[in-house]
Amino acid sequence: MRIVTFVFSTILICSSILSAQAPFKGEILVGGGLHTRGFQLTGLYSIIQNENKNLTFQIEFSELKSPKEKKMNAERRAIGGNSSRSYIYGKENNLYTLKLAAGQRFYISEKTDKSPVAIAFSYNGGINLGMIKPYYLDLIYRFDPQGSKIISEKYSASNALKFLEPQDINGSSGFSKGWDELTLAPGIYSKGSLLFDWGANDSFAKILELGISADVFFKNISIVIGEVRPPVYLNLFMNFYFGKRW
């Protein structure tokens, strides 16, 4: 009788363990981080195909900056006594991107309770929609003897000298200016990365991602006035994700 009880208890315990370790079927992650030219916000959805392989789908919003950008602090006071804003000298456009990509993740280390961190390799590729927003400055126009007036303007051939003259710049017009003038720049996107998965068998996901990415556009984009460069942006990046597995 004791043997039967022991066998029955063992079966129940093993069944409970196997049930608790049943593989997950899906995963959803949200997060973001920094790259060498700006920031990025990312969402990932994964179909867990087996113990070591995931099929992944990504959506990402990011900003791409030029290495020639130089931040300036305007010291003067605006008309009416308001403080002037800092600005980027010589900046013509902001470049934002919306990326839709698919790829795979391969775990190259074991996902066990004894190993707190599992390591995986991932690659993704897809379409890249660039969004070009004109950069506005508050420019000072002096009308002697009537005084001065501040006018928000983007760069053009007619105001080129004033746009590049620090004495005539009262600062940036702000983030909200120019969104109604977006122009689109389609392209493609790819990335390769290493992921460090804390608790790969946990339902609550915590992942650090380090990698390299490439943004390629089908036309030249001017971020800084006078800059001539190919429409290819290579970046090192770091992301951190939280999410759920089921």
Protein backbone atom coordinates (compact mmCIF):
# COMPACT_ATOMS: atom_id res chain seq x y z
CA MET A 1 0.00 0.00 0.00
CA ARG A 2 2.87 2.36 0.83
CA ILE A 3 4.46 1.61 -2.58
CA VAL A 4 1.20 2.43 -4.40
CA THR A 5 0.86 5.65 -2.43
CA PHE A 6 4.48 6.57 -3.21
CA VAL A 7 4.06 5.88 -6.94
CA PHE A 8 0.79 7.81 -7.09
CA SER A 9 2.34 10.78 -5.24
CA THR A 10 5.36 10.75 -7.55
CA ILE A 11 3.12 10.83 -10.63
CA LEU A 12 1.20 13.79 -9.25
CA ILE A 13 4.39 15.72 -8.45
CA CYS A 14 5.89 15.04 -11.90
CA SER A 15 2.66 16.06 -13.60
CA SER A 16 2.61 19.30 -11.63
CA ILE A 17 6.23 20.06 -12.55
CA LEU A 18 5.66 19.35 -16.26
CA SER A 19 2.56 21.50 -16.24
CA ALA A 20 4.42 24.39 -14.61
CA GLN A 21 7.24 24.09 -17.19
CA ALA A 22 4.96 23.82 -20.21
CA PRO A 23 6.41 25.98 -23.03
CA PHE A 24 4.94 29.43 -23.69
CA LYS A 25 3.18 30.07 -26.98
CA GLY A 26 3.51 33.84 -27.27
CA GLU A 27 5.20 36.95 -25.96
CA ILE A 28 4.54 40.68 -26.14
CA LEU A 29 7.17 43.28 -25.18
CA VAL A 30 7.24 47.07 -24.95
CA GLY A 31 10.24 49.24 -24.29
CA GLY A 32 12.82 51.46 -25.87
CA GLY A 33 16.22 52.97 -25.47
CA LEU A 34 18.97 54.96 -27.10
CA HIS A 35 21.01 54.66 -30.27
CA THR A 36 24.01 56.61 -31.50
CA ARG A 37 21.79 59.17 -33.29
CA GLY A 38 18.82 59.55 -30.96
CA PHE A 39 16.10 57.54 -29.24
CA GLN A 40 13.67 54.74 -30.10
CA LEU A 41 10.40 53.31 -28.75
CA THR A 42 9.69 49.69 -29.66
CA GLY A 43 6.95 47.08 -29.43
CA LEU A 44 7.60 43.38 -30.12
CA TYR A 45 5.23 40.46 -30.59
CA SER A 46 6.66 36.93 -30.69
CA ILE A 47 5.27 33.55 -31.66
CA ILE A 48 7.28 31.02 -29.66
CA GLN A 49 7.88 28.22 -32.16
CA ASN A 50 9.91 25.95 -29.89
CA GLU A 51 12.23 26.07 -26.89
CA ASN A 52 14.97 27.90 -28.80
CA LYS A 53 13.28 29.84 -31.62
CA ASN A 54 10.79 32.74 -31.80
CA LEU A 55 9.16 34.35 -34.82
CA THR A 56 9.11 38.10 -34.08
CA PHE A 57 7.20 41.14 -35.35
CA GLN A 58 8.31 44.67 -34.52
CA ILE A 59 6.96 48.21 -34.64
CA GLU A 60 9.33 51.05 -33.78
CA PHE A 61 9.31 54.84 -33.68
CA SER A 62 12.64 56.65 -33.55
CA GLU A 63 14.46 59.88 -34.25
CA LEU A 64 17.61 60.11 -36.35
CA LYS A 65 19.99 63.02 -35.79
CA SER A 66 23.03 64.24 -37.66
CA PRO A 67 26.47 64.01 -35.98
CA LYS A 68 27.00 67.62 -37.10
CA GLU A 69 24.23 68.96 -34.88
CA LYS A 70 25.42 71.53 -32.34
CA LYS A 71 23.20 72.64 -29.48
CA MET A 72 23.33 76.34 -28.65
CA ASN A 73 21.99 78.27 -25.66
CA ALA A 74 20.48 81.63 -26.51
CA GLU A 75 21.33 84.02 -23.66
CA ARG A 76 19.21 87.00 -24.69
CA ARG A 77 15.68 87.72 -23.43
CA ALA A 78 12.72 87.44 -25.76
CA ILE A 79 10.34 90.30 -26.41
CA GLY A 80 7.99 90.68 -23.46
CA GLY A 81 10.57 89.39 -20.96
CA ASN A 82 10.23 85.67 -21.76
CA SER A 83 13.32 83.48 -21.69
CA SER A 84 14.72 82.32 -25.02
CA ARG A 85 15.04 78.59 -25.82
CA SER A 86 18.12 76.58 -26.69
CA TYR A 87 18.34 75.50 -30.33
CA ILE A 88 20.32 73.37 -32.80
CA TYR A 89 22.54 75.57 -34.93
CA GLY A 90 22.16 74.98 -38.67
CA LYS A 91 19.44 72.34 -38.32
CA GLU A 92 17.05 72.23 -41.27
CA ASN A 93 14.83 69.22 -40.54
CA ASN A 94 13.93 66.67 -37.89
CA LEU A 95 13.90 63.09 -39.16
CA TYR A 96 11.59 60.59 -37.47
CA THR A 97 10.99 57.01 -38.59
CA LEU A 98 8.22 54.44 -38.24
CA LYS A 99 9.42 50.88 -38.84
CA LEU A 100 7.50 47.65 -39.37
CA ALA A 101 9.71 44.56 -39.39
CA ALA A 102 9.72 40.79 -38.92
CA GLY A 103 12.47 38.36 -38.01
CA GLN A 104 13.57 35.56 -35.72
CA ARG A 105 15.18 35.10 -32.33
CA PHE A 106 17.43 32.13 -31.59
CA TYR A 107 18.47 31.24 -28.05
CA ILE A 108 22.14 30.28 -27.98
CA SER A 109 22.24 29.36 -24.29
CA GLU A 110 20.05 27.09 -22.19
CA LYS A 111 16.89 28.48 -20.60
CA THR A 112 17.07 26.81 -17.19
CA ASP A 113 16.25 27.87 -13.65
CA LYS A 114 19.92 27.42 -12.77
CA SER A 115 20.96 30.06 -15.32
CA PRO A 116 19.50 33.47 -14.41
CA VAL A 117 20.15 34.95 -17.86
CA ALA A 118 19.54 33.31 -21.25
CA ILE A 119 21.31 34.74 -24.32
CA ALA A 120 19.72 34.96 -27.75
CA PHE A 121 20.57 36.26 -31.21
CA SER A 122 17.94 38.18 -33.17
CA TYR A 123 17.57 39.66 -36.62
CA ASN A 124 14.75 41.77 -38.10
CA GLY A 125 14.08 43.48 -41.39
CA GLY A 126 11.24 45.38 -43.00
CA ILE A 127 9.89 48.69 -44.23
CA ASN A 128 10.91 52.10 -42.96
CA LEU A 129 8.74 55.21 -43.27
CA GLY A 130 10.79 58.34 -42.75
CA MET A 131 8.94 61.50 -41.68
CA ILE A 132 10.71 64.80 -42.36
CA LYS A 133 9.55 67.72 -40.19
CA PRO A 134 10.92 71.21 -40.86
CA TYR A 135 12.84 72.74 -37.98
CA TYR A 136 11.63 76.17 -36.88
CA LEU A 137 13.56 78.98 -35.18
CA ASP A 138 12.29 82.15 -33.53
CA LEU A 139 14.09 84.81 -35.57
CA ILE A 140 14.52 88.42 -34.44
CA TYR A 141 13.56 91.12 -36.92
CA ARG A 142 14.61 94.62 -35.97
CA PHE A 143 12.52 97.53 -37.25
CA ASP A 144 14.16 100.78 -36.17
CA PRO A 145 12.81 102.89 -34.66
CA GLN A 146 9.71 100.77 -34.03
CA GLY A 147 11.68 98.10 -32.17
CA SER A 148 11.97 94.36 -32.71
CA LYS A 149 9.67 91.49 -33.54
CA ILE A 150 10.11 87.73 -33.24
CA ILE A 151 8.84 85.56 -36.10
CA SER A 152 8.89 81.73 -36.19
CA GLU A 153 10.36 80.51 -39.49
CA LYS A 154 11.83 77.43 -41.11
CA TYR A 155 14.96 77.60 -43.28
CA SER A 156 14.58 78.99 -46.79
CA ALA A 157 16.71 80.71 -49.40
CA SER A 158 15.21 84.08 -48.45
CA ASN A 159 16.15 83.88 -44.75
CA ALA A 160 19.38 81.86 -45.07
CA LEU A 161 21.65 84.58 -43.65
CA LYS A 162 19.40 85.35 -40.69
CA PHE A 163 18.76 81.62 -39.96
CA LEU A 164 22.51 81.10 -39.54
CA GLU A 165 23.27 84.31 -37.62
CA PRO A 166 23.29 83.62 -33.84
CA GLN A 167 22.62 87.32 -33.06
CA ASP A 168 19.31 87.03 -34.93
CA ILE A 169 18.15 83.78 -33.30
CA ASN A 170 16.02 83.83 -30.17
CA GLY A 171 15.91 80.04 -29.92
CA SER A 172 13.91 77.05 -31.10
CA SER A 173 10.20 77.49 -31.85
CA GLY A 174 9.44 74.26 -30.00
CA PHE A 175 8.69 70.59 -30.68
CA SER A 176 5.09 71.16 -31.79
CA LYS A 177 5.95 73.42 -34.71
CA GLY A 178 5.99 71.93 -38.21
CA TRP A 179 3.98 68.73 -37.78
CA ASP A 180 1.44 69.91 -40.36
CA GLU A 181 4.23 70.10 -42.97
CA LEU A 182 5.53 66.53 -42.83
CA THR A 183 6.97 65.00 -45.97
CA LEU A 184 7.55 61.25 -46.33
CA ALA A 185 10.73 59.36 -47.18
CA PRO A 186 10.16 55.60 -47.62
CA GLY A 187 12.96 53.11 -47.14
CA ILE A 188 14.00 49.79 -45.62
CA TYR A 189 15.33 48.77 -42.21
CA SER A 190 17.29 45.91 -40.68
CA LYS A 191 18.95 45.09 -37.37
CA GLY A 192 20.92 42.36 -35.66
CA SER A 193 21.25 42.08 -31.90
CA LEU A 194 22.08 40.06 -28.81
CA LEU A 195 19.39 39.73 -26.15
CA PHE A 196 19.93 39.01 -22.46
CA ASP A 197 16.74 37.47 -21.08
CA TRP A 198 16.37 37.52 -17.28
CA GLY A 199 14.15 34.61 -16.29
CA ALA A 200 13.47 33.22 -19.77
CA ASN A 201 11.01 30.71 -18.26
CA ASP A 202 9.07 33.39 -16.36
CA SER A 203 5.73 34.75 -17.56
CA PHE A 204 6.99 38.29 -16.83
CA ALA A 205 9.67 39.10 -19.42
CA LYS A 206 12.70 41.35 -18.75
CA ILE A 207 15.10 41.67 -21.68
CA LEU A 208 18.16 43.82 -22.49
CA GLU A 209 18.99 44.17 -26.20
CA LEU A 210 22.31 45.36 -27.69
CA GLY A 211 22.87 45.55 -31.42
CA ILE A 212 23.45 47.37 -34.69
CA SER A 213 20.79 48.72 -37.06
CA ALA A 214 20.64 50.17 -40.58
CA ASP A 215 18.11 52.72 -41.85
CA VAL A 216 18.17 53.13 -45.63
CA PHE A 217 16.01 55.68 -47.46
CA PHE A 218 15.24 55.97 -51.16
CA LYS A 219 16.14 59.67 -51.31
CA ASN A 220 18.61 62.07 -49.74
CA ILE A 221 17.46 63.81 -46.56
CA SER A 222 18.88 67.12 -45.34
CA ILE A 223 19.01 67.27 -41.53
CA VAL A 224 21.71 69.96 -41.25
CA ILE A 225 21.99 72.78 -43.78
CA GLY A 226 24.63 72.05 -46.42
CA GLU A 227 25.26 68.47 -45.27
CA VAL A 228 25.73 66.04 -48.16
CA ARG A 229 25.61 62.37 -47.18
CA PRO A 230 24.25 59.08 -48.51
CA PRO A 231 20.76 58.18 -47.21
CA VAL A 232 22.12 55.35 -45.04
CA TYR A 233 22.24 55.53 -41.22
CA LEU A 234 24.13 52.89 -39.24
CA ASN A 235 23.62 52.90 -35.47
CA LEU A 236 24.60 51.01 -32.36
CA PHE A 237 21.68 50.75 -29.98
CA MET A 238 20.54 49.57 -26.56
CA ASN A 239 16.93 48.71 -25.63
CA PHE A 240 15.28 47.43 -22.48
CA TYR A 241 11.93 45.60 -22.63
CA PHE A 242 9.24 44.50 -20.23
CA GLY A 243 6.44 42.21 -21.22
CA LYS A 244 4.26 39.16 -20.84
CA ARG A 245 4.51 35.54 -21.94
CA TRP A 246 1.58 33.13 -22.10
